[in-house]
C-alpha atoms as a PDB file:
ATOM      1  CA  MET A   1      29.166  62.352 132.033  1.00  0.00           C
ATOM      2  CA  PRO A   2      32.256  60.940 129.219  1.00  0.00           C
ATOM      3  CA  PRO A   3      33.664  57.321 130.471  1.00  0.00           C
ATOM      4  CA  PHE A   4      36.841  57.201 131.906  1.00  0.00           C
ATOM      5  CA  ALA A   5      39.950  55.342 131.590  1.00  0.00           C
ATOM      6  CA  GLY A   6      41.037  54.861 135.368  1.00  0.00           C
ATOM      7  CA  VAL A   7      40.453  56.635 137.910  1.00  0.00           C
ATOM      8  CA  GLY A   8      43.014  58.057 140.496  1.00  0.00           C
ATOM      9  CA  PRO A   9      45.698  55.784 142.411  1.00  0.00           C
ATOM     10  CA  SER A  10      45.308  51.760 141.168  1.00  0.00           C
ATOM     11  CA  GLY A  11      44.402  48.970 143.565  1.00  0.00           C
ATOM     12  CA  PRO A  12      43.276  48.711 147.288  1.00  0.00           C
ATOM     13  CA  SER A  13      44.361  52.085 148.223  1.00  0.00           C
ATOM     14  CA  SER A  14      42.309  53.856 145.637  1.00  0.00           C
ATOM     15  CA  ARG A  15      38.586  53.794 147.505  1.00  0.00           C
ATOM     16  CA  LYS A  16      40.516  55.589 150.176  1.00  0.00           C
ATOM     17  CA  TRP A  17      41.819  58.112 148.041  1.00  0.00           C
ATOM     18  CA  ARG A  18      38.430  58.666 146.546  1.00  0.00           C
ATOM     19  CA  GLU A  19      37.097  58.835 150.157  1.00  0.00           C
ATOM     20  CA  ALA A  20      39.740  61.351 151.233  1.00  0.00           C
ATOM     21  CA  GLY A  21      38.187  63.310 148.751  1.00  0.00           C
ATOM     22  CA  HIS A  22      41.327  63.645 147.039  1.00  0.00           C
ATOM     23  CA  PRO A  23      40.736  64.743 143.525  1.00  0.00           C
ATOM     24  CA  PRO A  24      41.440  61.647 140.687  1.00  0.00           C
ATOM     25  CA  THR A  25      43.124  61.740 137.691  1.00  0.00           C
ATOM     26  CA  ARG A  26      41.009  61.086 135.143  1.00  0.00           C
ATOM     27  CA  PHE A  27      41.643  60.817 131.388  1.00  0.00           C
ATOM     28  CA  GLU A  28      39.129  59.907 128.794  1.00  0.00           C
ATOM     29  CA  ALA A  29      38.708  56.817 127.495  1.00  0.00           C
ATOM     30  CA  GLY A  30      41.015  56.015 124.383  1.00  0.00           C
ATOM     31  CA  SER A  31      42.709  59.126 125.336  1.00  0.00           C
ATOM     32  CA  ARG A  32      46.605  59.730 125.880  1.00  0.00           C
ATOM     33  CA  PRO A  33      48.718  62.249 128.366  1.00  0.00           C
ATOM     34  CA  HIS A  34      50.073  65.355 126.386  1.00  0.00           C
ATOM     35  CA  ALA A  35      52.887  63.694 124.815  1.00  0.00           C
ATOM     36  CA  PRO A  36      55.877  66.341 124.338  1.00  0.00           C
ATOM     37  CA  PRO A  37      57.561  67.636 120.820  1.00  0.00           C
ATOM     38  CA  GLY A  38      59.062  65.271 118.550  1.00  0.00           C
ATOM     39  CA  SER A  39      57.720  62.494 120.716  1.00  0.00           C
ATOM     40  CA  SER A  40      55.084  59.957 119.732  1.00  0.00           C
ATOM     41  CA  PRO A  41      51.599  59.858 121.890  1.00  0.00           C
ATOM     42  CA  GLY A  42      53.251  57.666 124.320  1.00  0.00           C
ATOM     43  CA  GLY A  43      55.384  59.802 125.406  1.00  0.00           C
ATOM     44  CA  ARG A  44      58.413  57.599 123.715  1.00  0.00           C
ATOM     45  CA  PRO A  45      60.763  59.040 120.870  1.00  0.00           C
ATOM     46  CA  ALA A  46      59.390  59.339 117.716  1.00  0.00           C
ATOM     47  CA  PHE A  47      61.718  57.527 114.919  1.00  0.00           C
ATOM     48  CA  ILE A  48      61.946  57.707 111.505  1.00  0.00           C
ATOM     49  CA  ALA A  49      60.659  54.231 109.227  1.00  0.00           C
ATOM     50  CA  GLY A  50      63.431  52.353 108.338  1.00  0.00           C
ATOM     51  CA  GLN A  51      66.009  53.908 110.575  1.00  0.00           C
ATOM     52  CA  ARG A  52      67.745  52.501 113.486  1.00  0.00           C
ATOM     53  CA  ARG A  53      66.798  53.195 116.801  1.00  0.00           C
ATOM     54  CA  GLY A  54      68.585  55.372 118.193  1.00  0.00           C
ATOM     55  CA  ASP A  55      69.628  59.253 116.681  1.00  0.00           C
ATOM     56  CA  VAL A  56      68.999  60.998 113.479  1.00  0.00           C
ATOM     57  CA  THR A  57      72.986  59.670 112.890  1.00  0.00           C
ATOM     58  CA  GLY A  58      71.234  55.863 113.222  1.00  0.00           C
ATOM     59  CA  ARG A  59      73.581  55.626 116.454  1.00  0.00           C
ATOM     60  CA  ARG A  60      72.603  53.185 119.113  1.00  0.00           C
ATOM     61  CA  PRO A  61      70.710  54.808 122.269  1.00  0.00           C
ATOM     62  CA  GLY A  62      72.836  54.802 125.944  1.00  0.00           C
ATOM     63  CA  LYS A  63      71.222  54.525 128.668  1.00  0.00           C
ATOM     64  CA  ASN A  64      70.041  57.646 129.595  1.00  0.00           C
ATOM     65  CA  GLY A  65      67.908  57.963 125.791  1.00  0.00           C
ATOM     66  CA  GLY A  66      70.893  59.480 123.557  1.00  0.00           C
ATOM     67  CA  PRO A  67      73.873  58.350 121.497  1.00  0.00           C
ATOM     68  CA  THR A  68      75.872  55.804 122.825  1.00  0.00           C
ATOM     69  CA  ARG A  69      79.282  57.087 124.434  1.00  0.00           C
ATOM     70  CA  GLY A  70      81.798  54.513 122.613  1.00  0.00           C
ATOM     71  CA  VAL A  71      85.478  56.085 124.411  1.00  0.00           C
ATOM     72  CA  TYR A  72      88.532  55.084 121.861  1.00  0.00           C
ATOM     73  CA  TRP A  73      91.524  54.013 124.264  1.00  0.00           C
ATOM     74  CA  GLY A  74      95.185  54.595 123.702  1.00  0.00           C
ATOM     75  CA  ARG A  75      98.283  55.957 123.414  1.00  0.00           C
ATOM     76  CA  PHE A  76      98.790  57.436 120.208  1.00  0.00           C
ATOM     77  CA  ASN A  77     102.745  57.849 120.438  1.00  0.00           C
ATOM     78  CA  PRO A  78     102.142  59.226 117.435  1.00  0.00           C
ATOM     79  CA  PRO A  79      98.927  58.518 115.613  1.00  0.00           C
ATOM     80  CA  HIS A  80      98.884  56.602 112.827  1.00  0.00           C
ATOM     81  CA  ARG A  81      96.460  55.811 109.808  1.00  0.00           C
ATOM     82  CA  GLY A  82      95.076  52.419 111.466  1.00  0.00           C
ATOM     83  CA  HIS A  83      94.197  54.843 114.561  1.00  0.00           C
ATOM     84  CA  LEU A  84      92.499  56.724 111.753  1.00  0.00           C
ATOM     85  CA  GLU A  85      90.487  53.736 110.204  1.00  0.00           C
ATOM     86  CA  VAL A  86      89.350  53.362 113.637  1.00  0.00           C
ATOM     87  CA  VAL A  87      87.933  56.120 113.951  1.00  0.00           C
ATOM     88  CA  LYS A  88      85.702  56.218 111.151  1.00  0.00           C
ATOM     89  CA  ARG A  89      84.185  52.759 111.681  1.00  0.00           C
ATOM     90  CA  PHE A  90      83.208  53.416 115.314  1.00  0.00           C
ATOM     91  CA  SER A  91      82.170  57.253 114.795  1.00  0.00           C
ATOM     92  CA  ARG A  92      79.160  55.776 112.441  1.00  0.00           C
ATOM     93  CA  ARG A  93      77.943  54.173 115.448  1.00  0.00           C
ATOM     94  CA  TYR A  94      78.962  56.122 119.033  1.00  0.00           C
ATOM     95  CA  GLN A  95      79.343  59.897 120.246  1.00  0.00           C
ATOM     96  CA  LEU A  96      83.134  59.085 120.095  1.00  0.00           C
ATOM     97  CA  THR A  97      86.231  60.045 122.654  1.00  0.00           C
ATOM     98  CA  VAL A  98      89.632  60.251 121.560  1.00  0.00           C
ATOM     99  CA  ALA A  99      91.620  58.877 125.039  1.00  0.00           C
ATOM    100  CA  ILE A 100      94.671  59.193 124.805  1.00  0.00           C
ATOM    101  CA  GLY A 101      97.043  57.444 127.742  1.00  0.00           C
ATOM    102  CA  SER A 102     100.451  57.720 129.357  1.00  0.00           C
ATOM    103  CA  SER A 103      99.551  61.605 129.505  1.00  0.00           C
ATOM    104  CA  GLU A 104     102.307  62.380 132.085  1.00  0.00           C
ATOM    105  CA  ARG A 105     105.047  60.420 129.663  1.00  0.00           C
ATOM    106  CA  ARG A 106     107.400  62.043 127.552  1.00  0.00           C
ATOM    107  CA  ASN A 107     110.887  61.713 126.186  1.00  0.00           C
ATOM    108  CA  ASP A 108     111.730  58.018 126.504  1.00  0.00           C
ATOM    109  CA  ARG A 109     111.092  55.036 123.921  1.00  0.00           C
ATOM    110  CA  ARG A 110     107.889  54.106 123.931  1.00  0.00           C
ATOM    111  CA  ASN A 111     106.135  57.784 124.432  1.00  0.00           C
ATOM    112  CA  PRO A 112     108.846  60.269 123.560  1.00  0.00           C
ATOM    113  CA  PHE A 113     105.836  62.786 122.526  1.00  0.00           C
ATOM    114  CA  SER A 114     103.609  64.573 125.900  1.00  0.00           C
ATOM    115  CA  GLY A 115     100.030  63.732 126.152  1.00  0.00           C
ATOM    116  CA  ALA A 116      99.732  67.341 125.032  1.00  0.00           C
ATOM    117  CA  GLU A 117     102.073  67.311 122.193  1.00  0.00           C
ATOM    118  CA  ARG A 118      99.915  63.791 121.140  1.00  0.00           C
ATOM    119  CA  ARG A 119      96.782  65.735 121.305  1.00  0.00           C
ATOM    120  CA  ALA A 120      97.069  68.441 119.270  1.00  0.00           C
ATOM    121  CA  MET A 121      98.876  65.830 116.740  1.00  0.00           C
ATOM    122  CA  MET A 122      95.539  63.683 116.721  1.00  0.00           C
ATOM    123  CA  LYS A 123      93.408  66.879 116.398  1.00  0.00           C
ATOM    124  CA  GLY A 124      95.485  68.472 113.258  1.00  0.00           C
ATOM    125  CA  TYR A 125      94.815  64.850 111.742  1.00  0.00           C
ATOM    126  CA  LEU A 126      91.748  64.467 112.244  1.00  0.00           C
ATOM    127  CA  ARG A 127      90.720  67.769 110.550  1.00  0.00           C
ATOM    128  CA  GLU A 128      93.305  67.025 108.017  1.00  0.00           C
ATOM    129  CA  MET A 129      90.510  63.834 107.623  1.00  0.00           C
ATOM    130  CA  GLY A 130      87.424  66.134 108.215  1.00  0.00           C
ATOM    131  CA  LEU A 131      86.273  64.284 110.869  1.00  0.00           C
ATOM    132  CA  GLY A 132      84.979  66.403 113.276  1.00  0.00           C
ATOM    133  CA  GLY A 133      82.390  66.146 116.366  1.00  0.00           C
ATOM    134  CA  ILE A 134      85.254  64.050 117.781  1.00  0.00           C
ATOM    135  CA  ARG A 135      86.468  64.690 121.728  1.00  0.00           C
ATOM    136  CA  VAL A 136      90.115  64.162 122.147  1.00  0.00           C
ATOM    137  CA  VAL A 137      91.204  64.072 126.194  1.00  0.00           C
ATOM    138  CA  THR A 138      94.067  63.010 127.845  1.00  0.00           C
ATOM    139  CA  LEU A 139      94.257  60.669 130.686  1.00  0.00           C
ATOM    140  CA  LYS A 140      97.104  60.059 133.014  1.00  0.00           C
ATOM    141  CA  ASP A 141      98.258  56.140 134.200  1.00  0.00           C
ATOM    142  CA  GLY A 142      98.378  56.871 137.913  1.00  0.00           C
ATOM    143  CA  PRO A 143     100.482  54.308 139.706  1.00  0.00           C
ATOM    144  CA  SER A 144      98.830  51.234 138.171  1.00  0.00           C
ATOM    145  CA  LEU A 145      96.245  49.767 135.480  1.00  0.00           C
ATOM    146  CA  SER A 146      93.507  49.896 137.572  1.00  0.00           C
ATOM    147  CA  TRP A 147      93.858  53.443 138.905  1.00  0.00           C
ATOM    148  CA  ALA A 148      93.814  54.011 134.934  1.00  0.00           C
ATOM    149  CA  VAL A 149      90.703  52.483 134.197  1.00  0.00           C
ATOM    150  CA  VAL A 150      88.863  54.062 137.364  1.00  0.00           C
ATOM    151  CA  ASN A 151      89.962  57.565 135.763  1.00  0.00           C
ATOM    152  CA  MET A 152      88.970  56.932 132.171  1.00  0.00           C
ATOM    153  CA  VAL A 153      85.658  55.879 133.000  1.00  0.00           C
ATOM    154  CA  HIS A 154      85.256  58.216 136.104  1.00  0.00           C
ATOM    155  CA  ARG A 155      86.680  61.323 133.259  1.00  0.00           C
ATOM    156  CA  CYS A 156      84.790  59.659 130.220  1.00  0.00           C
ATOM    157  CA  ARG A 157      81.107  57.908 131.595  1.00  0.00           C
ATOM    158  CA  PRO A 158      81.591  55.872 128.327  1.00  0.00           C
ATOM    159  CA  ASP A 159      78.902  53.056 127.460  1.00  0.00           C
ATOM    160  CA  VAL A 160      81.613  51.603 125.244  1.00  0.00           C
ATOM    161  CA  VAL A 161      84.886  51.408 125.022  1.00  0.00           C
ATOM    162  CA  LEU A 162      86.919  50.216 122.114  1.00  0.00           C
ATOM    163  CA  LEU A 163      90.038  48.135 122.608  1.00  0.00           C
ATOM    164  CA  SER A 164      92.122  46.103 119.774  1.00  0.00           C
ATOM    165  CA  THR A 165      91.951  42.344 120.802  1.00  0.00           C
ATOM    166  CA  GLU A 166      96.117  42.482 121.840  1.00  0.00           C
ATOM    167  CA  ARG A 167      95.023  44.341 124.488  1.00  0.00           C
ATOM    168  CA  ASP A 168      93.339  41.445 127.257  1.00  0.00           C
ATOM    169  CA  ARG A 169      94.841  42.206 130.222  1.00  0.00           C
ATOM    170  CA  LEU A 170      93.282  45.906 129.919  1.00  0.00           C
ATOM    171  CA  ALA A 171      90.112  44.319 128.388  1.00  0.00           C
ATOM    172  CA  ARG A 172      89.471  41.799 131.645  1.00  0.00           C
ATOM    173  CA  LEU A 173      89.577  44.927 134.336  1.00  0.00           C
ATOM    174  CA  VAL A 174      88.047  47.112 132.246  1.00  0.00           C
ATOM    175  CA  ARG A 175      85.393  44.569 131.306  1.00  0.00           C
ATOM    176  CA  ARG A 176      84.255  44.747 134.962  1.00  0.00           C
ATOM    177  CA  LYS A 177      83.236  48.727 134.574  1.00  0.00           C
ATOM    178  CA  VAL A 178      81.616  49.329 131.202  1.00  0.00           C
ATOM    179  CA  ARG A 179      80.701  47.284 128.306  1.00  0.00           C
ATOM    180  CA  VAL A 180      83.971  46.315 125.946  1.00  0.00           C
ATOM    181  CA  VAL A 181      84.359  46.362 122.131  1.00  0.00           C
ATOM    182  CA  ARG A 182      87.208  44.255 119.940  1.00  0.00           C
ATOM    183  CA  PHE A 183      88.721  44.976 116.809  1.00  0.00           C
ATOM    184  CA  ARG A 184      91.559  44.010 115.084  1.00  0.00           C
ATOM    185  CA  ARG A 185      94.522  46.025 114.719  1.00  0.00           C
ATOM    186  CA  PHE A 186      95.724  47.643 110.972  1.00  0.00           C
ATOM    187  CA  ALA A 187      97.466  44.953 109.763  1.00  0.00           C
ATOM    188  CA  GLY A 188     101.187  46.531 109.115  1.00  0.00           C
ATOM    189  CA  VAL A 189     100.546  50.245 110.866  1.00  0.00           C
ATOM    190  CA  SER A 190     101.841  50.713 113.991  1.00  0.00           C
ATOM    191  CA  SER A 191     103.195  52.929 116.019  1.00  0.00           C
ATOM    192  CA  THR A 192     105.876  51.478 116.841  1.00  0.00           C
ATOM    193  CA  ARG A 193     107.046  50.634 113.533  1.00  0.00           C
ATOM    194  CA  ILE A 194     106.660  54.613 113.425  1.00  0.00           C
ATOM    195  CA  ARG A 195     109.410  54.945 115.942  1.00  0.00           C
ATOM    196  CA  ASP A 196     111.885  52.583 114.745  1.00  0.00           C
ATOM    197  CA  SER A 197     112.032  54.156 110.935  1.00  0.00           C
ATOM    198  CA  ILE A 198     112.760  57.544 112.373  1.00  0.00           C
ATOM    199  CA  ALA A 199     115.706  55.905 115.189  1.00  0.00           C
ATOM    200  CA  ALA A 200     116.860  53.788 111.852  1.00  0.00           C
ATOM    201  CA  GLY A 201     116.918  57.266 109.992  1.00  0.00           C
ATOM    202  CA  ARG A 202     114.699  55.609 107.384  1.00  0.00           C
ATOM    203  CA  GLU A 203     111.985  57.809 105.459  1.00  0.00           C
ATOM    204  CA  ASP A 204     109.370  54.767 105.254  1.00  0.00           C
ATOM    205  CA  TRP A 205     107.636  56.352 108.701  1.00  0.00           C
ATOM    206  CA  LYS A 206     105.706  59.186 106.783  1.00  0.00           C
ATOM    207  CA  HIS A 207     103.542  57.404 104.330  1.00  0.00           C
ATOM    208  CA  LEU A 208     101.898  55.979 107.558  1.00  0.00           C
ATOM    209  CA  THR A 209     100.484  58.555 109.021  1.00  0.00           C
ATOM    210  CA  GLY A 210      99.040  62.141 108.261  1.00  0.00           C
ATOM    211  CA  ALA A 211     100.728  65.076 106.371  1.00  0.00           C
ATOM    212  CA  SER A 212      99.747  66.901 109.608  1.00  0.00           C
ATOM    213  CA  VAL A 213     101.567  65.154 111.901  1.00  0.00           C
ATOM    214  CA  VAL A 214     104.645  64.139 109.533  1.00  0.00           C
ATOM    215  CA  ARG A 215     104.941  67.854 109.700  1.00  0.00           C
ATOM    216  CA  TRP A 216     104.359  68.005 113.531  1.00  0.00           C
ATOM    217  CA  ILE A 217     107.102  65.723 113.588  1.00  0.00           C
ATOM    218  CA  LEU A 218     109.037  68.036 111.687  1.00  0.00           C
ATOM    219  CA  ASP A 219     107.994  71.348 113.185  1.00  0.00           C
ATOM    220  CA  HIS A 220     108.487  70.381 116.913  1.00  0.00           C
ATOM    221  CA  ASN A 221     111.832  68.552 116.670  1.00  0.00           C
ATOM    222  CA  GLY A 222     110.620  65.002 116.752  1.00  0.00           C
ATOM    223  CA  LEU A 223     112.451  63.168 114.931  1.00  0.00           C
ATOM    224  CA  ASP A 224     116.330  63.720 117.298  1.00  0.00           C
ATOM    225  CA  ARG A 225     113.444  63.228 120.253  1.00  0.00           C
ATOM    226  CA  VAL A 226     112.727  60.079 118.238  1.00  0.00           C
ATOM    227  CA  ARG A 227     116.395  58.510 118.595  1.00  0.00           C
ATOM    228  CA  ARG A 228     117.356  59.933 121.739  1.00  0.00           C
ATOM    229  CA  GLY A 229     114.888  57.845 123.483  1.00  0.00           C
ATOM    230  CA  TYR A 230     116.110  54.821 121.390  1.00  0.00           C
ATOM    231  CA  ARG A 231     119.978  55.698 122.864  1.00  0.00           C
ATOM    232  CA  ILE A 232     121.815  52.706 124.140  1.00  0.00           C
ATOM    233  CA  ARG A 233     123.874  53.831 126.557  1.00  0.00           C
ATOM    234  CA  PRO A 234     127.236  52.329 126.774  1.00  0.00           C
ATOM    235  CA  ARG A 235     128.248  49.330 128.388  1.00  0.00           C
ATOM    236  CA  VAL A 236     130.381  49.469 130.997  1.00  0.00           C
ATOM    237  CA  VAL A 237     133.559  47.182 130.351  1.00  0.00           C
ATOM    238  CA  ARG A 238     135.300  45.960 133.327  1.00  0.00           C
ATOM    239  CA  ARG A 239     138.776  45.135 132.934  1.00  0.00           C
ATOM    240  CA  LEU A 240     139.518  41.177 133.661  1.00  0.00           C
ATOM    241  CA  ARG A 241     143.185  40.687 134.621  1.00  0.00           C
ATOM    242  CA  PRO A 242     145.738  39.572 132.033  1.00  0.00           C
ATOM    243  CA  ARG A 243     145.611  35.146 131.698  1.00  0.00           C
ATOM    244  CA  GLY A 244     148.563  33.623 133.328  1.00  0.00           C
ATOM    245  CA  ARG A 245     149.691  31.660 136.229  1.00  0.00           C
ATOM    246  CA  SER A 246     148.043  31.980 139.112  1.00  0.00           C
ATOM    247  CA  ALA A 247     149.260  34.079 141.952  1.00  0.00           C
ATOM    248  CA  ARG A 248     148.327  31.594 144.342  1.00  0.00           C
ATOM    249  CA  PRO A 249     152.056  28.887 145.108  1.00  0.00           C
ATOM    250  CA  ARG A 250     151.370  25.472 144.662  1.00  0.00           C
END
């Protein structure tokens, strides 16, 4: 009989297991259980020499052994070149989802476009830049920032959340649920600058975003919608009594 590496369960209960008549599970010395295709003999995933541990794209493995799921969370109102630079950078490291917040808000100063409209602009911008395989979802803010964080984690199931270094309060809340990766904003470009430029009637906003976003805004009356959000209500001028002698008797 050839030698065996192990007999049934190990430990103090192995003798009772054999005495009870259960068939032992045995492997020949030096052999290992059958490994599934694409795995090493020990059952671990097989990796290419010189490649970082992860999938074939070089992404880092997530909690379940697959690529790490990253969520880039923001309002993107509208998307601009800085947003796409962040997407390019982190899509090489993570299986990326772009989460568009404040989706229920529209036609105000900070959010002239709805979540569905921003999603259409972002998807068109990604196609324009040749970035595929990136999921784009819309998320509601809800009654509070804490509710928004819980909703994002429930909907996207991220391993990592990407936030700019300016979002300190949000980062503290998200860090209680999942790991946070901070990044610096792209200098000189912001959605606020684009909206300010449109409201002022300038044309310089067009070089801050993609041609597909510019086309979408022009085709969907976006200029007037931004300007309406910036409209200041006229102040109510109170009528004052003319200055003169007081009616009170001396």
